[in-house]
Amino acid sequence: MLQITDTAASAFRDILAREDVAGSAIRLAPEPQADGGASITLQAIDQPAPSDAPAQAAGVQVVVAPELAASLEDAILDARPTERGTEFYIRPQEPQAS
C-alpha cells in the first residue's frame, strides 16, 4: 500500500482547507504526457470511485486510481518546499529488517 509521509499529508490538508478547493479527499491519477510518458496528477474529490485504492495517510483521505495502484504499492509519497511551492515526489519504501 502506498504510504504518505506526515509532510505530504500536512500539505494535502492545506490544499483541502483552501476556500477555492472543492473536495474532501485527494486522488492520485495518471496524466499522459505529450512525449508518451506519464506523470501523476493530484485531484481534490468529494467521493472516491469504488475501484480506487486507499493509501496510508495521517488525517487525510488519499486514494489511488486503479491504473496506478500496483505500481505505487511499495512506494512512499513525500513532499518538500520549493521556491515554486510544494513539490510532491515518490520514493521507494525501505526494506523491513528481519
PDB file of N, CA and C in Angstrom:
ATOM      1  N   MET A   1       0.838  -1.173   0.000  1.00  0.00           N
ATOM      2  CA  MET A   1       0.000   0.000   0.000  1.00  0.00           C
ATOM      3  C   MET A   1       0.890   1.246   0.000  1.00  0.00           C
ATOM      4  N   LEU A   2       0.523   2.219  -0.815  1.00  0.00           N
ATOM      5  CA  LEU A   2       1.246   3.486  -0.843  1.00  0.00           C
ATOM      6  C   LEU A   2       1.201   4.126   0.535  1.00  0.00           C
ATOM      7  N   GLN A   3       2.357   4.564   1.011  1.00  0.00           N
ATOM      8  CA  GLN A   3       2.428   5.281   2.281  1.00  0.00           C
ATOM      9  C   GLN A   3       2.609   6.767   1.996  1.00  0.00           C
ATOM     10  N   ILE A   4       1.962   7.592   2.800  1.00  0.00           N
ATOM     11  CA  ILE A   4       2.046   9.046   2.678  1.00  0.00           C
ATOM     12  C   ILE A   4       2.782   9.561   3.908  1.00  0.00           C
ATOM     13  N   THR A   5       3.840  10.338   3.715  1.00  0.00           N
ATOM     14  CA  THR A   5       4.556  10.883   4.863  1.00  0.00           C
ATOM     15  C   THR A   5       3.700  11.940   5.562  1.00  0.00           C
ATOM     16  N   ASP A   6       4.061  12.244   6.804  1.00  0.00           N
ATOM     17  CA  ASP A   6       3.350  13.296   7.541  1.00  0.00           C
ATOM     18  C   ASP A   6       3.479  14.641   6.826  1.00  0.00           C
ATOM     19  N   THR A   7       4.630  14.882   6.201  1.00  0.00           N
ATOM     20  CA  THR A   7       4.839  16.132   5.467  1.00  0.00           C
ATOM     21  C   THR A   7       3.871  16.243   4.297  1.00  0.00           C
ATOM     22  N   ALA A   8       3.727  15.170   3.531  1.00  0.00           N
ATOM     23  CA  ALA A   8       2.801  15.178   2.399  1.00  0.00           C
ATOM     24  C   ALA A   8       1.354  15.263   2.881  1.00  0.00           C
ATOM     25  N   ALA A   9       1.015  14.536   3.948  1.00  0.00           N
ATOM     26  CA  ALA A   9      -0.350  14.584   4.482  1.00  0.00           C
ATOM     27  C   ALA A   9      -0.696  15.998   4.939  1.00  0.00           C
ATOM     28  N   SER A  10       0.245  16.668   5.571  1.00  0.00           N
ATOM     29  CA  SER A  10       0.023  18.049   6.003  1.00  0.00           C
ATOM     30  C   SER A  10      -0.208  18.962   4.802  1.00  0.00           C
ATOM     31  N   ALA A  11       0.569  18.770   3.745  1.00  0.00           N
ATOM     32  CA  ALA A  11       0.388  19.574   2.527  1.00  0.00           C
ATOM     33  C   ALA A  11      -0.977  19.297   1.900  1.00  0.00           C
ATOM     34  N   PHE A  12      -1.420  18.040   1.912  1.00  0.00           N
ATOM     35  CA  PHE A  12      -2.754  17.707   1.395  1.00  0.00           C
ATOM     36  C   PHE A  12      -3.839  18.384   2.221  1.00  0.00           C
ATOM     37  N   ARG A  13      -3.687  18.371   3.555  1.00  0.00           N
ATOM     38  CA  ARG A  13      -4.676  19.041   4.410  1.00  0.00           C
ATOM     39  C   ARG A  13      -4.737  20.527   4.087  1.00  0.00           C
ATOM     40  N   ASP A  14      -3.584  21.137   3.862  1.00  0.00           N
ATOM     41  CA  ASP A  14      -3.546  22.560   3.497  1.00  0.00           C
ATOM     42  C   ASP A  14      -4.276  22.802   2.180  1.00  0.00           C
ATOM     43  N   ILE A  15      -4.073  21.928   1.209  1.00  0.00           N
ATOM     44  CA  ILE A  15      -4.747  22.066  -0.092  1.00  0.00           C
ATOM     45  C   ILE A  15      -6.259  21.970   0.086  1.00  0.00           C
ATOM     46  N   LEU A  16      -6.706  20.966   0.831  1.00  0.00           N
ATOM     47  CA  LEU A  16      -8.144  20.755   1.005  1.00  0.00           C
ATOM     48  C   LEU A  16      -8.801  21.853   1.840  1.00  0.00           C
ATOM     49  N   ALA A  17      -8.016  22.551   2.666  1.00  0.00           N
ATOM     50  CA  ALA A  17      -8.564  23.617   3.512  1.00  0.00           C
ATOM     51  C   ALA A  17      -8.748  24.932   2.760  1.00  0.00           C
ATOM     52  N   ARG A  18      -8.138  25.052   1.595  1.00  0.00           N
ATOM     53  CA  ARG A  18      -8.269  26.299   0.828  1.00  0.00           C
ATOM     54  C   ARG A  18      -9.708  26.497   0.388  1.00  0.00           C
ATOM     55  N   GLU A  19     -10.167  27.722   0.426  1.00  0.00           N
ATOM     56  CA  GLU A  19     -11.549  28.033   0.068  1.00  0.00           C
ATOM     57  C   GLU A  19     -11.857  27.752  -1.395  1.00  0.00           C
ATOM     58  N   ASP A  20     -10.861  27.863  -2.265  1.00  0.00           N
ATOM     59  CA  ASP A  20     -11.110  27.664  -3.694  1.00  0.00           C
ATOM     60  C   ASP A  20     -11.009  26.201  -4.126  1.00  0.00           C
ATOM     61  N   VAL A  21     -10.831  25.297  -3.175  1.00  0.00           N
ATOM     62  CA  VAL A  21     -10.737  23.875  -3.485  1.00  0.00           C
ATOM     63  C   VAL A  21     -12.000  23.174  -2.988  1.00  0.00           C
ATOM     64  N   ALA A  22     -12.675  22.517  -3.914  1.00  0.00           N
ATOM     65  CA  ALA A  22     -13.865  21.741  -3.553  1.00  0.00           C
ATOM     66  C   ALA A  22     -13.472  20.278  -3.469  1.00  0.00           C
ATOM     67  N   GLY A  23     -13.668  19.676  -2.337  1.00  0.00           N
ATOM     68  CA  GLY A  23     -13.340  18.268  -2.174  1.00  0.00           C
ATOM     69  C   GLY A  23     -12.950  17.972  -0.747  1.00  0.00           C
ATOM     70  N   SER A  24     -13.050  16.704  -0.396  1.00  0.00           N
ATOM     71  CA  SER A  24     -12.716  16.286   0.959  1.00  0.00           C
ATOM     72  C   SER A  24     -11.644  15.194   0.976  1.00  0.00           C
ATOM     73  N   ALA A  25     -11.145  14.831  -0.202  1.00  0.00           N
ATOM     74  CA  ALA A  25     -10.120  13.795  -0.312  1.00  0.00           C
ATOM     75  C   ALA A  25      -9.199  14.136  -1.479  1.00  0.00           C
ATOM     76  N   ILE A  26      -8.041  13.497  -1.498  1.00  0.00           N
ATOM     77  CA  ILE A  26      -7.074  13.655  -2.587  1.00  0.00           C
ATOM     78  C   ILE A  26      -7.023  12.345  -3.362  1.00  0.00           C
ATOM     79  N   ARG A  27      -7.071  12.449  -4.685  1.00  0.00           N
ATOM     80  CA  ARG A  27      -6.973  11.268  -5.560  1.00  0.00           C
ATOM     81  C   ARG A  27      -5.732  11.412  -6.429  1.00  0.00           C
ATOM     82  N   LEU A  28      -4.918  10.374  -6.464  1.00  0.00           N
ATOM     83  CA  LEU A  28      -3.748  10.318  -7.336  1.00  0.00           C
ATOM     84  C   LEU A  28      -4.151   9.561  -8.588  1.00  0.00           C
ATOM     85  N   ALA A  29      -3.923  10.171  -9.750  1.00  0.00           N
ATOM     86  CA  ALA A  29      -4.317   9.550 -11.014  1.00  0.00           C
ATOM     87  C   ALA A  29      -3.232   9.795 -12.058  1.00  0.00           C
ATOM     88  N   PRO A  30      -3.124   8.908 -13.063  1.00  0.00           N
ATOM     89  CA  PRO A  30      -2.128   9.115 -14.118  1.00  0.00           C
ATOM     90  C   PRO A  30      -2.548  10.243 -15.044  1.00  0.00           C
ATOM     91  N   GLU A  31      -1.554  10.953 -15.551  1.00  0.00           N
ATOM     92  CA  GLU A  31      -1.797  12.014 -16.537  1.00  0.00           C
ATOM     93  C   GLU A  31      -0.823  11.806 -17.689  1.00  0.00           C
ATOM     94  N   PRO A  32      -1.324  11.395 -18.859  1.00  0.00           N
ATOM     95  CA  PRO A  32      -0.446  11.161 -20.009  1.00  0.00           C
ATOM     96  C   PRO A  32       0.282  12.448 -20.423  1.00  0.00           C
ATOM     97  N   GLN A  33       1.513  12.283 -20.874  1.00  0.00           N
ATOM     98  CA  GLN A  33       2.327  13.402 -21.332  1.00  0.00           C
ATOM     99  C   GLN A  33       2.495  13.334 -22.850  1.00  0.00           C
ATOM    100  N   ALA A  34       2.805  14.454 -23.462  1.00  0.00           N
ATOM    101  CA  ALA A  34       2.962  14.532 -24.917  1.00  0.00           C
ATOM    102  C   ALA A  34       4.084  13.624 -25.426  1.00  0.00           C
ATOM    103  N   ASP A  35       5.108  13.390 -24.594  1.00  0.00           N
ATOM    104  CA  ASP A  35       6.238  12.564 -25.024  1.00  0.00           C
ATOM    105  C   ASP A  35       5.970  11.063 -24.883  1.00  0.00           C
ATOM    106  N   GLY A  36       4.743  10.706 -24.509  1.00  0.00           N
ATOM    107  CA  GLY A  36       4.393   9.302 -24.355  1.00  0.00           C
ATOM    108  C   GLY A  36       4.539   8.794 -22.935  1.00  0.00           C
ATOM    109  N   GLY A  37       5.189   9.570 -22.083  1.00  0.00           N
ATOM    110  CA  GLY A  37       5.326   9.188 -20.679  1.00  0.00           C
ATOM    111  C   GLY A  37       4.076   9.564 -19.902  1.00  0.00           C
ATOM    112  N   ALA A  38       4.186   9.499 -18.609  1.00  0.00           N
ATOM    113  CA  ALA A  38       3.051   9.865 -17.766  1.00  0.00           C
ATOM    114  C   ALA A  38       3.562  10.491 -16.480  1.00  0.00           C
ATOM    115  N   SER A  39       2.744  11.337 -15.909  1.00  0.00           N
ATOM    116  CA  SER A  39       3.028  11.882 -14.592  1.00  0.00           C
ATOM    117  C   SER A  39       1.817  11.582 -13.721  1.00  0.00           C
ATOM    118  N   ILE A  40       1.905  11.955 -12.475  1.00  0.00           N
ATOM    119  CA  ILE A  40       0.797  11.727 -11.550  1.00  0.00           C
ATOM    120  C   ILE A  40       0.163  13.069 -11.231  1.00  0.00           C
ATOM    121  N   THR A  41      -1.148  13.120 -11.337  1.00  0.00           N
ATOM    122  CA  THR A  41      -1.874  14.335 -11.010  1.00  0.00           C
ATOM    123  C   THR A  41      -2.596  14.146  -9.678  1.00  0.00           C
ATOM    124  N   LEU A  42      -2.703  15.223  -8.923  1.00  0.00           N
ATOM    125  CA  LEU A  42      -3.432  15.227  -7.660  1.00  0.00           C
ATOM    126  C   LEU A  42      -4.750  15.932  -7.894  1.00  0.00           C
ATOM    127  N   GLN A  43      -5.846  15.295  -7.492  1.00  0.00           N
ATOM    128  CA  GLN A  43      -7.173  15.876  -7.674  1.00  0.00           C
ATOM    129  C   GLN A  43      -7.888  15.919  -6.334  1.00  0.00           C
ATOM    130  N   ALA A  44      -8.537  17.046  -6.032  1.00  0.00           N
ATOM    131  CA  ALA A  44      -9.417  17.118  -4.869  1.00  0.00           C
ATOM    132  C   ALA A  44     -10.764  16.547  -5.293  1.00  0.00           C
ATOM    133  N   ILE A  45     -11.256  15.579  -4.538  1.00  0.00           N
ATOM    134  CA  ILE A  45     -12.518  14.916  -4.884  1.00  0.00           C
ATOM    135  C   ILE A  45     -13.420  14.871  -3.655  1.00  0.00           C
ATOM    136  N   ASP A  46     -14.715  14.686  -3.895  1.00  0.00           N
ATOM    137  CA  ASP A  46     -15.657  14.512  -2.793  1.00  0.00           C
ATOM    138  C   ASP A  46     -15.824  13.045  -2.421  1.00  0.00           C
ATOM    139  N   GLN A  47     -15.847  12.190  -3.426  1.00  0.00           N
ATOM    140  CA  GLN A  47     -16.129  10.775  -3.194  1.00  0.00           C
ATOM    141  C   GLN A  47     -15.195   9.922  -4.051  1.00  0.00           C
ATOM    142  N   PRO A  48     -14.448   8.999  -3.449  1.00  0.00           N
ATOM    143  CA  PRO A  48     -13.608   8.110  -4.249  1.00  0.00           C
ATOM    144  C   PRO A  48     -14.458   7.185  -5.118  1.00  0.00           C
ATOM    145  N   ALA A  49     -13.883   6.762  -6.227  1.00  0.00           N
ATOM    146  CA  ALA A  49     -14.525   5.752  -7.070  1.00  0.00           C
ATOM    147  C   ALA A  49     -14.431   4.406  -6.355  1.00  0.00           C
ATOM    148  N   PRO A  50     -15.378   3.512  -6.577  1.00  0.00           N
ATOM    149  CA  PRO A  50     -15.322   2.199  -5.924  1.00  0.00           C
ATOM    150  C   PRO A  50     -14.030   1.434  -6.211  1.00  0.00           C
ATOM    151  N   SER A  51     -13.418   1.672  -7.361  1.00  0.00           N
ATOM    152  CA  SER A  51     -12.194   0.946  -7.724  1.00  0.00           C
ATOM    153  C   SER A  51     -10.919   1.612  -7.206  1.00  0.00           C
ATOM    154  N   ASP A  52     -11.023   2.805  -6.612  1.00  0.00           N
ATOM    155  CA  ASP A  52      -9.844   3.483  -6.070  1.00  0.00           C
ATOM    156  C   ASP A  52      -9.295   2.716  -4.865  1.00  0.00           C
ATOM    157  N   ALA A  53      -7.971   2.709  -4.743  1.00  0.00           N
ATOM    158  CA  ALA A  53      -7.314   2.033  -3.622  1.00  0.00           C
ATOM    159  C   ALA A  53      -6.948   3.055  -2.549  1.00  0.00           C
ATOM    160  N   PRO A  54      -7.208   2.757  -1.280  1.00  0.00           N
ATOM    161  CA  PRO A  54      -6.836   3.696  -0.220  1.00  0.00           C
ATOM    162  C   PRO A  54      -5.324   3.715  -0.028  1.00  0.00           C
ATOM    163  N   ALA A  55      -4.820   4.852   0.416  1.00  0.00           N
ATOM    164  CA  ALA A  55      -3.404   4.982   0.756  1.00  0.00           C
ATOM    165  C   ALA A  55      -3.311   5.256   2.250  1.00  0.00           C
ATOM    166  N   GLN A  56      -2.167   4.974   2.824  1.00  0.00           N
ATOM    167  CA  GLN A  56      -1.953   5.149   4.247  1.00  0.00           C
ATOM    168  C   GLN A  56      -1.495   6.579   4.501  1.00  0.00           C
ATOM    169  N   ALA A  57      -2.396   7.415   5.074  1.00  0.00           N
ATOM    170  CA  ALA A  57      -2.075   8.815   5.333  1.00  0.00           C
ATOM    171  C   ALA A  57      -2.637   9.219   6.687  1.00  0.00           C
ATOM    172  N   ALA A  58      -1.960  10.154   7.344  1.00  0.00           N
ATOM    173  CA  ALA A  58      -2.380  10.626   8.659  1.00  0.00           C
ATOM    174  C   ALA A  58      -3.344  11.799   8.527  1.00  0.00           C
ATOM    175  N   GLY A  59      -4.591  11.571   8.893  1.00  0.00           N
ATOM    176  CA  GLY A  59      -5.547  12.660   8.998  1.00  0.00           C
ATOM    177  C   GLY A  59      -6.131  13.192   7.710  1.00  0.00           C
ATOM    178  N   VAL A  60      -5.900  12.551   6.590  1.00  0.00           N
ATOM    179  CA  VAL A  60      -6.478  12.991   5.321  1.00  0.00           C
ATOM    180  C   VAL A  60      -6.770  11.750   4.473  1.00  0.00           C
ATOM    181  N   GLN A  61      -7.886  11.775   3.768  1.00  0.00           N
ATOM    182  CA  GLN A  61      -8.238  10.641   2.910  1.00  0.00           C
ATOM    183  C   GLN A  61      -7.520  10.793   1.574  1.00  0.00           C
ATOM    184  N   VAL A  62      -6.701   9.808   1.235  1.00  0.00           N
ATOM    185  CA  VAL A  62      -5.975   9.778  -0.033  1.00  0.00           C
ATOM    186  C   VAL A  62      -6.288   8.446  -0.702  1.00  0.00           C
ATOM    187  N   VAL A  63      -6.631   8.507  -1.985  1.00  0.00           N
ATOM    188  CA  VAL A  63      -6.904   7.294  -2.754  1.00  0.00           C
ATOM    189  C   VAL A  63      -6.078   7.314  -4.033  1.00  0.00           C
ATOM    190  N   VAL A  64      -5.877   6.129  -4.587  1.00  0.00           N
ATOM    191  CA  VAL A  64      -5.061   5.965  -5.787  1.00  0.00           C
ATOM    192  C   VAL A  64      -5.923   5.332  -6.875  1.00  0.00           C
ATOM    193  N   ALA A  65      -5.885   5.926  -8.073  1.00  0.00           N
ATOM    194  CA  ALA A  65      -6.612   5.371  -9.215  1.00  0.00           C
ATOM    195  C   ALA A  65      -6.124   3.950  -9.472  1.00  0.00           C
ATOM    196  N   PRO A  66      -7.016   3.066  -9.912  1.00  0.00           N
ATOM    197  CA  PRO A  66      -6.619   1.668 -10.105  1.00  0.00           C
ATOM    198  C   PRO A  66      -5.466   1.485 -11.088  1.00  0.00           C
ATOM    199  N   GLU A  67      -5.329   2.389 -12.060  1.00  0.00           N
ATOM    200  CA  GLU A  67      -4.235   2.283 -13.039  1.00  0.00           C
ATOM    201  C   GLU A  67      -2.866   2.474 -12.386  1.00  0.00           C
ATOM    202  N   LEU A  68      -2.818   3.130 -11.224  1.00  0.00           N
ATOM    203  CA  LEU A  68      -1.552   3.396 -10.538  1.00  0.00           C
ATOM    204  C   LEU A  68      -1.316   2.504  -9.330  1.00  0.00           C
ATOM    205  N   ALA A  69      -2.361   1.915  -8.815  1.00  0.00           N
ATOM    206  CA  ALA A  69      -2.279   1.229  -7.521  1.00  0.00           C
ATOM    207  C   ALA A  69      -1.145   0.208  -7.461  1.00  0.00           C
ATOM    208  N   ALA A  70      -1.019  -0.647  -8.453  1.00  0.00           N
ATOM    209  CA  ALA A  70       0.012  -1.689  -8.418  1.00  0.00           C
ATOM    210  C   ALA A  70       1.417  -1.098  -8.468  1.00  0.00           C
ATOM    211  N   SER A  71       1.625  -0.074  -9.290  1.00  0.00           N
ATOM    212  CA  SER A  71       2.970   0.493  -9.421  1.00  0.00           C
ATOM    213  C   SER A  71       3.382   1.323  -8.204  1.00  0.00           C
ATOM    214  N   LEU A  72       2.415   1.776  -7.404  1.00  0.00           N
ATOM    215  CA  LEU A  72       2.740   2.572  -6.212  1.00  0.00           C
ATOM    216  C   LEU A  72       2.619   1.770  -4.921  1.00  0.00           C
ATOM    217  N   GLU A  73       2.358   0.480  -5.039  1.00  0.00           N
ATOM    218  CA  GLU A  73       2.103  -0.348  -3.862  1.00  0.00           C
ATOM    219  C   GLU A  73       3.227  -0.297  -2.838  1.00  0.00           C
ATOM    220  N   ASP A  74       4.467  -0.305  -3.269  1.00  0.00           N
ATOM    221  CA  ASP A  74       5.614  -0.307  -2.358  1.00  0.00           C
ATOM    222  C   ASP A  74       6.353   1.021  -2.386  1.00  0.00           C
ATOM    223  N   ALA A  75       5.600   2.118  -2.489  1.00  0.00           N
ATOM    224  CA  ALA A  75       6.215   3.443  -2.594  1.00  0.00           C
ATOM    225  C   ALA A  75       5.784   4.336  -1.433  1.00  0.00           C
ATOM    226  N   ILE A  76       6.514   5.421  -1.291  1.00  0.00           N
ATOM    227  CA  ILE A  76       6.205   6.458  -0.307  1.00  0.00           C
ATOM    228  C   ILE A  76       6.034   7.763  -1.063  1.00  0.00           C
ATOM    229  N   LEU A  77       4.955   8.473  -0.774  1.00  0.00           N
ATOM    230  CA  LEU A  77       4.734   9.800  -1.341  1.00  0.00           C
ATOM    231  C   LEU A  77       5.166  10.810  -0.295  1.00  0.00           C
ATOM    232  N   ASP A  78       6.076  11.679  -0.667  1.00  0.00           N
ATOM    233  CA  ASP A  78       6.611  12.679   0.255  1.00  0.00           C
ATOM    234  C   ASP A  78       6.457  14.056  -0.372  1.00  0.00           C
ATOM    235  N   ALA A  79       6.769  15.092   0.386  1.00  0.00           N
ATOM    236  CA  ALA A  79       6.669  16.470  -0.101  1.00  0.00           C
ATOM    237  C   ALA A  79       7.827  17.280   0.455  1.00  0.00           C
ATOM    238  N   ARG A  80       8.190  18.315  -0.301  1.00  0.00           N
ATOM    239  CA  ARG A  80       9.234  19.238   0.164  1.00  0.00           C
ATOM    240  C   ARG A  80       8.913  20.621  -0.381  1.00  0.00           C
ATOM    241  N   PRO A  81       9.282  21.657   0.376  1.00  0.00           N
ATOM    242  CA  PRO A  81       9.039  23.019  -0.107  1.00  0.00           C
ATOM    243  C   PRO A  81      10.060  23.401  -1.177  1.00  0.00           C
ATOM    244  N   THR A  82       9.612  24.140  -2.170  1.00  0.00           N
ATOM    245  CA  THR A  82      10.499  24.684  -3.195  1.00  0.00           C
ATOM    246  C   THR A  82      10.150  26.156  -3.377  1.00  0.00           C
ATOM    247  N   GLU A  83      10.911  26.843  -4.190  1.00  0.00           N
ATOM    248  CA  GLU A  83      10.629  28.255  -4.465  1.00  0.00           C
ATOM    249  C   GLU A  83       9.278  28.432  -5.145  1.00  0.00           C
ATOM    250  N   ARG A  84       8.807  27.409  -5.863  1.00  0.00           N
ATOM    251  CA  ARG A  84       7.532  27.495  -6.588  1.00  0.00           C
ATOM    252  C   ARG A  84       6.368  26.920  -5.794  1.00  0.00           C
ATOM    253  N   GLY A  85       6.607  26.481  -4.582  1.00  0.00           N
ATOM    254  CA  GLY A  85       5.552  25.882  -3.766  1.00  0.00           C
ATOM    255  C   GLY A  85       5.944  24.480  -3.345  1.00  0.00           C
ATOM    256  N   THR A  86       4.977  23.700  -2.970  1.00  0.00           N
ATOM    257  CA  THR A  86       5.233  22.338  -2.504  1.00  0.00           C
ATOM    258  C   THR A  86       5.431  21.401  -3.687  1.00  0.00           C
ATOM    259  N   GLU A  87       6.466  20.587  -3.596  1.00  0.00           N
ATOM    260  CA  GLU A  87       6.740  19.574  -4.612  1.00  0.00           C
ATOM    261  C   GLU A  87       6.507  18.202  -3.986  1.00  0.00           C
ATOM    262  N   PHE A  88       5.689  17.397  -4.636  1.00  0.00           N
ATOM    263  CA  PHE A  88       5.444  16.030  -4.192  1.00  0.00           C
ATOM    264  C   PHE A  88       6.326  15.102  -5.010  1.00  0.00           C
ATOM    265  N   TYR A  89       6.834  14.057  -4.369  1.00  0.00           N
ATOM    266  CA  TYR A  89       7.673  13.103  -5.084  1.00  0.00           C
ATOM    267  C   TYR A  89       7.491  11.702  -4.503  1.00  0.00           C
ATOM    268  N   ILE A  90       7.805  10.723  -5.317  1.00  0.00           N
ATOM    269  CA  ILE A  90       7.669   9.309  -4.954  1.00  0.00           C
ATOM    270  C   ILE A  90       9.056   8.740  -4.690  1.00  0.00           C
ATOM    271  N   ARG A  91       9.162   7.946  -3.641  1.00  0.00           N
ATOM    272  CA  ARG A  91      10.412   7.231  -3.360  1.00  0.00           C
ATOM    273  C   ARG A  91      10.072   5.817  -2.911  1.00  0.00           C
ATOM    274  N   PRO A  92      11.010   4.884  -3.033  1.00  0.00           N
ATOM    275  CA  PRO A  92      10.727   3.504  -2.627  1.00  0.00           C
ATOM    276  C   PRO A  92      10.671   3.376  -1.105  1.00  0.00           C
ATOM    277  N   GLN A  93       9.907   2.399  -0.637  1.00  0.00           N
ATOM    278  CA  GLN A  93       9.885   2.096   0.792  1.00  0.00           C
ATOM    279  C   GLN A  93      11.180   1.393   1.160  1.00  0.00           C
ATOM    280  N   GLU A  94      11.631   1.625   2.373  1.00  0.00           N
ATOM    281  CA  GLU A  94      12.824   0.949   2.871  1.00  0.00           C
ATOM    282  C   GLU A  94      12.468  -0.505   3.175  1.00  0.00           C
ATOM    283  N   PRO A  95      13.358  -1.435   2.850  1.00  0.00           N
ATOM    284  CA  PRO A  95      13.077  -2.838   3.187  1.00  0.00           C
ATOM    285  C   PRO A  95      12.953  -3.008   4.702  1.00  0.00           C
ATOM    286  N   GLN A  96      12.050  -3.880   5.114  1.00  0.00           N
ATOM    287  CA  GLN A  96      11.861  -4.161   6.537  1.00  0.00           C
ATOM    288  C   GLN A  96      12.997  -5.056   7.030  1.00  0.00           C
ATOM    289  N   ALA A  97      13.538  -4.724   8.201  1.00  0.00           N
ATOM    290  CA  ALA A  97      14.579  -5.565   8.797  1.00  0.00           C
ATOM    291  C   ALA A  97      13.942  -6.837   9.343  1.00  0.00           C
ATOM    292  N   SER A  98      14.645  -7.966   9.176  1.00  0.00           N
ATOM    293  CA  SER A  98      14.073  -9.221   9.672  1.00  0.00           C
ATOM    294  C   SER A  98      14.546  -9.521  11.058  1.00  0.00           C
TER     295      SER A  98
END
